[in-house]
Amino acid sequence: MTNVRIVITGVAAATFAAAAAVAVTPATSSADPAGHQVTYTITATGNLTGNVRYMNTDPPSQAAFNANSSQYLNSVQTAFTANQPLVYNTTLNDPNQWAFVNASGGCHWPDCDSSNTPQIQCQIAVDGQVVVTQSATTGVTCSTRPW
């Protein structure tokens, strides 16, 4: 009877030690917790008033984005000053899928007329590397994928 009691006590102690080791071992994850640093830069060649919209958070799916895009996009009403960049930073887990910025602006006399229409340029950099650059006159979109 004492041999059975010794075996049971040993098994209980080993089980307790294993449970304690699991409890104090830190959890690890294969996900990329840091994500990717995304920098959106907007520059205009003239003074404009307008809007900038950019993806601030990864949606879980295209359907989720379509259902409530404002949950994932930041919208900013802003003044563009000639050759002074506006810069917005965020972290995205999948910038190849979700990095997006759109800027539009209107020009007012005397800053512009039919012979002087400012350009707006957008740029997306991921982890410090420029991946997209576009320019246009009244509105411009930069994206890492076709929409």
N, C-alpha and C. Protein backbone atom coordinates (compact mmCIF):
# COMPACT_ATOMS: atom_id res chain seq x y z
N MET A 1 0.81 -1.18 0.00
CA MET A 1 0.00 0.00 0.00
C MET A 1 0.86 1.24 0.00
N THR A 2 1.98 1.21 0.68
CA THR A 2 2.84 2.39 0.70
C THR A 2 3.48 2.62 -0.66
N ASN A 3 3.76 1.56 -1.43
CA ASN A 3 4.32 1.76 -2.77
C ASN A 3 3.33 2.48 -3.68
N VAL A 4 2.06 2.15 -3.59
CA VAL A 4 1.03 2.82 -4.39
C VAL A 4 0.94 4.27 -3.97
N ARG A 5 0.97 4.54 -2.68
CA ARG A 5 0.89 5.91 -2.18
C ARG A 5 2.10 6.72 -2.66
N ILE A 6 3.28 6.13 -2.69
CA ILE A 6 4.49 6.83 -3.14
C ILE A 6 4.38 7.15 -4.63
N VAL A 7 3.89 6.20 -5.44
CA VAL A 7 3.74 6.41 -6.88
C VAL A 7 2.72 7.52 -7.13
N ILE A 8 1.59 7.50 -6.45
CA ILE A 8 0.55 8.52 -6.63
C ILE A 8 1.09 9.88 -6.21
N THR A 9 1.81 9.96 -5.13
CA THR A 9 2.39 11.22 -4.68
C THR A 9 3.39 11.73 -5.71
N GLY A 10 4.19 10.85 -6.28
CA GLY A 10 5.17 11.25 -7.30
C GLY A 10 4.49 11.76 -8.56
N VAL A 11 3.44 11.07 -9.00
CA VAL A 11 2.70 11.50 -10.19
C VAL A 11 2.04 12.85 -9.94
N ALA A 12 1.46 13.05 -8.78
CA ALA A 12 0.82 14.32 -8.44
C ALA A 12 1.85 15.45 -8.42
N ALA A 13 3.02 15.20 -7.86
CA ALA A 13 4.06 16.22 -7.80
C ALA A 13 4.55 16.57 -9.21
N ALA A 14 4.71 15.57 -10.06
CA ALA A 14 5.16 15.81 -11.44
C ALA A 14 4.11 16.60 -12.22
N THR A 15 2.84 16.27 -12.03
CA THR A 15 1.75 16.98 -12.70
C THR A 15 1.71 18.43 -12.25
N PHE A 16 1.84 18.66 -10.95
CA PHE A 16 1.84 20.02 -10.41
C PHE A 16 3.03 20.82 -10.96
N ALA A 17 4.21 20.20 -11.03
CA ALA A 17 5.40 20.89 -11.54
C ALA A 17 5.22 21.25 -13.02
N ALA A 18 4.63 20.34 -13.80
CA ALA A 18 4.40 20.62 -15.22
C ALA A 18 3.40 21.75 -15.39
N ALA A 19 2.34 21.75 -14.59
CA ALA A 19 1.34 22.81 -14.67
C ALA A 19 1.94 24.15 -14.28
N ALA A 20 2.78 24.17 -13.27
CA ALA A 20 3.43 25.41 -12.84
C ALA A 20 4.36 25.93 -13.93
N ALA A 21 5.07 25.04 -14.60
CA ALA A 21 5.97 25.46 -15.67
C ALA A 21 5.20 26.08 -16.82
N VAL A 22 4.06 25.52 -17.18
CA VAL A 22 3.23 26.08 -18.24
C VAL A 22 2.70 27.44 -17.83
N ALA A 23 2.33 27.60 -16.58
CA ALA A 23 1.75 28.86 -16.11
C ALA A 23 2.75 30.00 -16.14
N VAL A 24 4.03 29.73 -15.93
CA VAL A 24 5.01 30.81 -15.89
C VAL A 24 5.77 30.99 -17.20
N THR A 25 5.54 30.12 -18.20
CA THR A 25 6.20 30.27 -19.49
C THR A 25 5.47 31.32 -20.30
N PRO A 26 6.19 32.33 -20.82
CA PRO A 26 5.52 33.37 -21.59
C PRO A 26 4.96 32.83 -22.90
N ALA A 27 3.80 33.34 -23.28
CA ALA A 27 3.18 32.93 -24.53
C ALA A 27 3.92 33.56 -25.70
N THR A 28 4.03 32.82 -26.78
CA THR A 28 4.66 33.36 -27.98
C THR A 28 3.64 33.36 -29.10
N SER A 29 3.84 34.24 -30.06
CA SER A 29 2.92 34.34 -31.18
C SER A 29 3.72 34.42 -32.46
N SER A 30 3.18 33.83 -33.52
CA SER A 30 3.86 33.92 -34.81
C SER A 30 3.44 35.16 -35.57
N ALA A 31 2.47 35.93 -35.07
CA ALA A 31 2.04 37.16 -35.74
C ALA A 31 3.11 38.23 -35.63
N ASP A 32 3.11 39.14 -36.60
CA ASP A 32 4.06 40.26 -36.59
C ASP A 32 3.46 41.38 -35.76
N PRO A 33 3.80 41.47 -34.46
CA PRO A 33 3.13 42.42 -33.59
C PRO A 33 3.45 43.87 -33.93
N ALA A 34 4.59 44.12 -34.55
CA ALA A 34 4.98 45.50 -34.82
C ALA A 34 4.31 46.03 -36.08
N GLY A 35 3.93 45.19 -37.01
CA GLY A 35 3.35 45.66 -38.26
C GLY A 35 4.38 46.41 -39.09
N HIS A 36 3.90 47.19 -40.04
CA HIS A 36 4.76 47.96 -40.93
C HIS A 36 4.45 49.44 -40.78
N GLN A 37 5.50 50.24 -40.72
CA GLN A 37 5.34 51.70 -40.63
C GLN A 37 4.98 52.23 -42.01
N VAL A 38 3.81 52.87 -42.11
CA VAL A 38 3.35 53.44 -43.37
C VAL A 38 3.32 54.95 -43.23
N THR A 39 3.93 55.63 -44.19
CA THR A 39 3.96 57.09 -44.19
C THR A 39 3.29 57.59 -45.45
N TYR A 40 2.24 58.40 -45.26
CA TYR A 40 1.54 59.04 -46.37
C TYR A 40 2.01 60.49 -46.43
N THR A 41 2.47 60.94 -47.60
CA THR A 41 2.93 62.31 -47.76
C THR A 41 2.16 62.97 -48.90
N ILE A 42 1.60 64.14 -48.62
CA ILE A 42 0.86 64.91 -49.62
C ILE A 42 1.58 66.24 -49.79
N THR A 43 1.84 66.61 -51.04
CA THR A 43 2.49 67.89 -51.34
C THR A 43 1.71 68.57 -52.47
N ALA A 44 1.54 69.87 -52.37
CA ALA A 44 0.88 70.65 -53.43
C ALA A 44 1.84 71.73 -53.92
N THR A 45 1.70 72.10 -55.19
CA THR A 45 2.55 73.15 -55.75
C THR A 45 1.94 74.54 -55.57
N GLY A 46 0.74 74.59 -55.01
CA GLY A 46 0.08 75.87 -54.76
C GLY A 46 -0.74 75.80 -53.49
N ASN A 47 -1.34 76.90 -53.10
CA ASN A 47 -2.16 76.95 -51.89
C ASN A 47 -3.57 76.46 -52.22
N LEU A 48 -4.01 75.44 -51.50
CA LEU A 48 -5.31 74.82 -51.73
C LEU A 48 -6.02 74.59 -50.41
N THR A 49 -7.33 74.42 -50.48
CA THR A 49 -8.08 73.89 -49.33
C THR A 49 -8.70 72.59 -49.79
N GLY A 50 -8.70 71.60 -48.93
CA GLY A 50 -9.22 70.32 -49.37
C GLY A 50 -9.30 69.28 -48.29
N ASN A 51 -9.22 68.05 -48.72
CA ASN A 51 -9.39 66.89 -47.83
C ASN A 51 -8.33 65.84 -48.12
N VAL A 52 -7.96 65.13 -47.07
CA VAL A 52 -7.08 63.97 -47.19
C VAL A 52 -7.78 62.82 -46.49
N ARG A 53 -7.83 61.67 -47.16
CA ARG A 53 -8.35 60.44 -46.56
C ARG A 53 -7.26 59.39 -46.66
N TYR A 54 -7.02 58.70 -45.55
CA TYR A 54 -5.98 57.66 -45.58
C TYR A 54 -6.37 56.49 -44.68
N MET A 55 -5.88 55.31 -45.07
CA MET A 55 -6.14 54.09 -44.31
C MET A 55 -5.30 54.12 -43.05
N ASN A 56 -5.97 54.04 -41.91
CA ASN A 56 -5.30 54.12 -40.62
C ASN A 56 -5.21 52.77 -39.92
N THR A 57 -6.12 51.86 -40.27
CA THR A 57 -6.20 50.56 -39.60
C THR A 57 -6.54 49.49 -40.64
N ASP A 58 -5.93 48.32 -40.52
CA ASP A 58 -6.26 47.21 -41.42
C ASP A 58 -7.68 46.73 -41.15
N PRO A 59 -8.54 46.69 -42.15
CA PRO A 59 -9.83 46.01 -41.97
C PRO A 59 -9.59 44.49 -41.94
N PRO A 60 -10.47 43.74 -41.30
CA PRO A 60 -10.29 42.29 -41.30
C PRO A 60 -10.58 41.66 -42.67
N SER A 61 -11.35 42.38 -43.51
CA SER A 61 -11.69 41.85 -44.83
C SER A 61 -12.19 42.99 -45.71
N GLN A 62 -12.28 42.72 -47.01
CA GLN A 62 -12.84 43.72 -47.93
C GLN A 62 -14.31 43.96 -47.60
N ALA A 63 -15.02 42.91 -47.22
CA ALA A 63 -16.44 43.07 -46.87
C ALA A 63 -16.61 43.98 -45.66
N ALA A 64 -15.75 43.84 -44.67
CA ALA A 64 -15.82 44.71 -43.48
C ALA A 64 -15.53 46.15 -43.87
N PHE A 65 -14.55 46.36 -44.74
CA PHE A 65 -14.24 47.71 -45.20
C PHE A 65 -15.43 48.30 -45.97
N ASN A 66 -16.01 47.51 -46.87
CA ASN A 66 -17.15 47.98 -47.65
C ASN A 66 -18.34 48.33 -46.77
N ALA A 67 -18.53 47.59 -45.69
CA ALA A 67 -19.66 47.83 -44.80
C ALA A 67 -19.50 49.09 -43.96
N ASN A 68 -18.26 49.45 -43.62
CA ASN A 68 -18.05 50.62 -42.75
C ASN A 68 -16.64 51.18 -42.95
N SER A 69 -16.41 51.78 -44.10
CA SER A 69 -15.06 52.26 -44.42
C SER A 69 -14.57 53.34 -43.46
N SER A 70 -15.48 54.13 -42.91
CA SER A 70 -15.05 55.21 -42.01
C SER A 70 -14.40 54.69 -40.73
N GLN A 71 -14.62 53.43 -40.42
CA GLN A 71 -13.99 52.82 -39.25
C GLN A 71 -12.49 52.62 -39.47
N TYR A 72 -12.06 52.56 -40.73
CA TYR A 72 -10.67 52.25 -41.06
C TYR A 72 -9.93 53.42 -41.71
N LEU A 73 -10.67 54.41 -42.19
CA LEU A 73 -10.08 55.58 -42.85
C LEU A 73 -10.14 56.80 -41.95
N ASN A 74 -9.08 57.58 -41.96
CA ASN A 74 -9.10 58.90 -41.32
C ASN A 74 -9.40 59.92 -42.41
N SER A 75 -10.25 60.89 -42.11
CA SER A 75 -10.55 61.98 -43.03
C SER A 75 -10.16 63.28 -42.36
N VAL A 76 -9.38 64.10 -43.08
CA VAL A 76 -8.87 65.35 -42.52
C VAL A 76 -9.18 66.48 -43.49
N GLN A 77 -9.88 67.51 -43.02
CA GLN A 77 -10.02 68.74 -43.80
C GLN A 77 -8.78 69.56 -43.53
N THR A 78 -8.16 70.08 -44.58
CA THR A 78 -6.87 70.73 -44.39
C THR A 78 -6.62 71.82 -45.42
N ALA A 79 -5.67 72.65 -45.12
CA ALA A 79 -5.15 73.62 -46.07
C ALA A 79 -3.81 73.11 -46.57
N PHE A 80 -3.63 73.11 -47.87
CA PHE A 80 -2.35 72.74 -48.47
C PHE A 80 -1.58 74.03 -48.72
N THR A 81 -0.37 74.10 -48.24
CA THR A 81 0.50 75.24 -48.49
C THR A 81 1.56 74.81 -49.50
N ALA A 82 1.80 75.66 -50.48
CA ALA A 82 2.72 75.30 -51.57
C ALA A 82 4.04 74.74 -51.04
N ASN A 83 4.37 73.56 -51.54
CA ASN A 83 5.66 72.89 -51.27
C ASN A 83 5.94 72.60 -49.80
N GLN A 84 4.89 72.53 -48.98
CA GLN A 84 5.05 72.13 -47.58
C GLN A 84 4.29 70.82 -47.37
N PRO A 85 5.00 69.70 -47.28
CA PRO A 85 4.34 68.40 -47.20
C PRO A 85 3.47 68.24 -45.96
N LEU A 86 2.37 67.55 -46.15
CA LEU A 86 1.54 67.06 -45.05
C LEU A 86 1.90 65.59 -44.89
N VAL A 87 2.21 65.16 -43.68
CA VAL A 87 2.67 63.80 -43.45
C VAL A 87 1.77 63.14 -42.40
N TYR A 88 1.31 61.94 -42.73
CA TYR A 88 0.48 61.14 -41.82
C TYR A 88 1.14 59.78 -41.68
N ASN A 89 1.28 59.30 -40.45
CA ASN A 89 1.92 58.01 -40.17
C ASN A 89 0.93 57.06 -39.52
N THR A 90 1.06 55.79 -39.85
CA THR A 90 0.26 54.76 -39.20
C THR A 90 1.04 53.45 -39.28
N THR A 91 0.52 52.44 -38.64
CA THR A 91 1.08 51.09 -38.71
C THR A 91 0.01 50.17 -39.28
N LEU A 92 0.35 49.46 -40.34
CA LEU A 92 -0.56 48.49 -40.95
C LEU A 92 0.11 47.12 -40.96
N ASN A 93 -0.66 46.08 -40.69
CA ASN A 93 -0.13 44.72 -40.74
C ASN A 93 0.08 44.26 -42.18
N ASP A 94 -0.80 44.70 -43.10
CA ASP A 94 -0.73 44.27 -44.50
C ASP A 94 -0.80 45.49 -45.42
N PRO A 95 0.27 46.28 -45.49
CA PRO A 95 0.22 47.49 -46.32
C PRO A 95 0.10 47.19 -47.82
N ASN A 96 0.52 46.01 -48.27
CA ASN A 96 0.34 45.68 -49.69
C ASN A 96 -1.13 45.59 -50.05
N GLN A 97 -1.96 45.27 -49.09
CA GLN A 97 -3.40 45.16 -49.31
C GLN A 97 -4.12 46.46 -48.98
N TRP A 98 -3.68 47.20 -47.95
CA TRP A 98 -4.51 48.27 -47.41
C TRP A 98 -3.94 49.68 -47.45
N ALA A 99 -2.69 49.89 -47.80
CA ALA A 99 -2.16 51.26 -47.81
C ALA A 99 -2.87 52.07 -48.90
N PHE A 100 -3.45 53.20 -48.50
CA PHE A 100 -4.27 54.01 -49.41
C PHE A 100 -4.32 55.44 -48.89
N VAL A 101 -4.15 56.40 -49.79
CA VAL A 101 -4.33 57.81 -49.44
C VAL A 101 -4.94 58.52 -50.65
N ASN A 102 -5.87 59.42 -50.37
CA ASN A 102 -6.51 60.23 -51.40
C ASN A 102 -6.50 61.67 -50.94
N ALA A 103 -6.14 62.58 -51.83
CA ALA A 103 -6.14 64.01 -51.50
C ALA A 103 -6.83 64.77 -52.62
N SER A 104 -7.65 65.72 -52.24
CA SER A 104 -8.30 66.58 -53.22
C SER A 104 -8.31 67.99 -52.69
N GLY A 105 -8.26 68.94 -53.60
CA GLY A 105 -8.22 70.33 -53.16
C GLY A 105 -8.71 71.28 -54.22
N GLY A 106 -9.16 72.42 -53.75
CA GLY A 106 -9.59 73.48 -54.64
C GLY A 106 -8.74 74.71 -54.41
N CYS A 107 -8.56 75.44 -55.48
CA CYS A 107 -7.72 76.63 -55.43
C CYS A 107 -8.61 77.87 -55.59
N HIS A 108 -8.26 78.93 -54.92
CA HIS A 108 -9.04 80.16 -54.97
C HIS A 108 -8.19 81.29 -55.51
N TRP A 109 -8.84 82.17 -56.29
CA TRP A 109 -8.16 83.35 -56.81
C TRP A 109 -7.73 84.20 -55.63
N PRO A 110 -6.61 84.79 -55.57
CA PRO A 110 -5.64 85.02 -56.64
C PRO A 110 -4.55 83.96 -56.72
N ASP A 111 -4.66 82.90 -55.89
CA ASP A 111 -3.61 81.87 -55.91
C ASP A 111 -3.58 81.08 -57.21
N CYS A 112 -4.72 80.95 -57.89
CA CYS A 112 -4.76 80.18 -59.13
C CYS A 112 -5.69 80.86 -60.12
N ASP A 113 -5.47 80.52 -61.36
CA ASP A 113 -6.37 80.91 -62.43
C ASP A 113 -6.21 79.89 -63.54
N SER A 114 -6.79 80.14 -64.69
CA SER A 114 -6.76 79.14 -65.76
C SER A 114 -5.35 78.84 -66.25
N SER A 115 -4.42 79.74 -66.03
CA SER A 115 -3.05 79.49 -66.48
C SER A 115 -2.16 78.94 -65.36
N ASN A 116 -2.69 78.85 -64.16
CA ASN A 116 -1.90 78.40 -63.01
C ASN A 116 -2.74 77.44 -62.17
N THR A 117 -2.66 76.15 -62.47
CA THR A 117 -3.39 75.14 -61.72
C THR A 117 -2.39 74.29 -60.94
N PRO A 118 -2.43 74.36 -59.62
CA PRO A 118 -1.46 73.60 -58.82
C PRO A 118 -1.62 72.08 -58.97
N GLN A 119 -0.54 71.39 -58.79
CA GLN A 119 -0.51 69.93 -58.76
C GLN A 119 -0.56 69.46 -57.31
N ILE A 120 -1.20 68.32 -57.10
CA ILE A 120 -1.18 67.64 -55.80
C ILE A 120 -0.45 66.33 -56.02
N GLN A 121 0.49 66.01 -55.14
CA GLN A 121 1.22 64.76 -55.23
C GLN A 121 1.01 63.96 -53.96
N CYS A 122 0.78 62.65 -54.13
CA CYS A 122 0.71 61.76 -52.97
C CYS A 122 1.84 60.75 -53.07
N GLN A 123 2.22 60.25 -51.91
CA GLN A 123 3.31 59.27 -51.85
C GLN A 123 3.03 58.33 -50.67
N ILE A 124 3.29 57.05 -50.88
CA ILE A 124 3.21 56.07 -49.81
C ILE A 124 4.59 55.45 -49.64
N ALA A 125 5.08 55.46 -48.41
CA ALA A 125 6.33 54.77 -48.07
C ALA A 125 6.00 53.70 -47.03
N VAL A 126 6.55 52.51 -47.22
CA VAL A 126 6.37 51.40 -46.28
C VAL A 126 7.74 51.06 -45.71
N ASP A 127 7.85 51.14 -44.40
CA ASP A 127 9.11 50.88 -43.71
C ASP A 127 10.25 51.70 -44.32
N GLY A 128 9.94 52.95 -44.67
CA GLY A 128 10.95 53.88 -45.18
C GLY A 128 11.21 53.82 -46.67
N GLN A 129 10.60 52.89 -47.38
CA GLN A 129 10.81 52.75 -48.83
C GLN A 129 9.58 53.26 -49.58
N VAL A 130 9.77 54.22 -50.48
CA VAL A 130 8.65 54.74 -51.27
C VAL A 130 8.19 53.65 -52.23
N VAL A 131 6.88 53.35 -52.19
CA VAL A 131 6.32 52.30 -53.03
C VAL A 131 5.35 52.82 -54.08
N VAL A 132 4.77 54.01 -53.86
CA VAL A 132 3.82 54.60 -54.81
C VAL A 132 3.96 56.11 -54.78
N THR A 133 3.93 56.72 -55.98
CA THR A 133 3.88 58.18 -56.11
C THR A 133 2.96 58.51 -57.28
N GLN A 134 2.04 59.45 -57.07
CA GLN A 134 1.13 59.90 -58.12
C GLN A 134 0.96 61.41 -58.01
N SER A 135 0.58 62.06 -59.12
CA SER A 135 0.24 63.48 -59.05
C SER A 135 -0.88 63.79 -60.03
N ALA A 136 -1.65 64.84 -59.70
CA ALA A 136 -2.77 65.27 -60.53
C ALA A 136 -3.12 66.70 -60.13
N THR A 137 -4.14 67.28 -60.77
CA THR A 137 -4.46 68.68 -60.49
C THR A 137 -5.50 68.87 -59.39
N THR A 138 -6.64 68.22 -59.43
CA THR A 138 -7.67 68.49 -58.42
C THR A 138 -7.82 67.38 -57.39
N GLY A 139 -7.43 66.17 -57.73
CA GLY A 139 -7.51 65.06 -56.80
C GLY A 139 -6.56 63.97 -57.21
N VAL A 140 -5.97 63.31 -56.23
CA VAL A 140 -4.98 62.28 -56.51
C VAL A 140 -5.15 61.13 -55.52
N THR A 141 -4.91 59.91 -56.00
CA THR A 141 -5.00 58.72 -55.15
C THR A 141 -3.73 57.91 -55.28
N CYS A 142 -3.19 57.49 -54.16
CA CYS A 142 -2.08 56.54 -54.12
C CYS A 142 -2.58 55.30 -53.39
N SER A 143 -2.28 54.14 -53.94
CA SER A 143 -2.69 52.89 -53.33
C SER A 143 -1.69 51.81 -53.71
N THR A 144 -1.54 50.83 -52.84
CA THR A 144 -0.64 49.72 -53.12
C THR A 144 -1.33 48.61 -53.89
N ARG A 145 -2.62 48.78 -54.17
CA ARG A 145 -3.35 47.79 -54.97
C ARG A 145 -4.45 48.51 -55.74
N PRO A 146 -4.96 47.90 -56.81
CA PRO A 146 -6.08 48.53 -57.53
C PRO A 146 -7.36 48.48 -56.71
N TRP A 147 -8.10 49.55 -56.70
CA TRP A 147 -9.39 49.59 -56.02
C TRP A 147 -10.45 49.52 -57.07
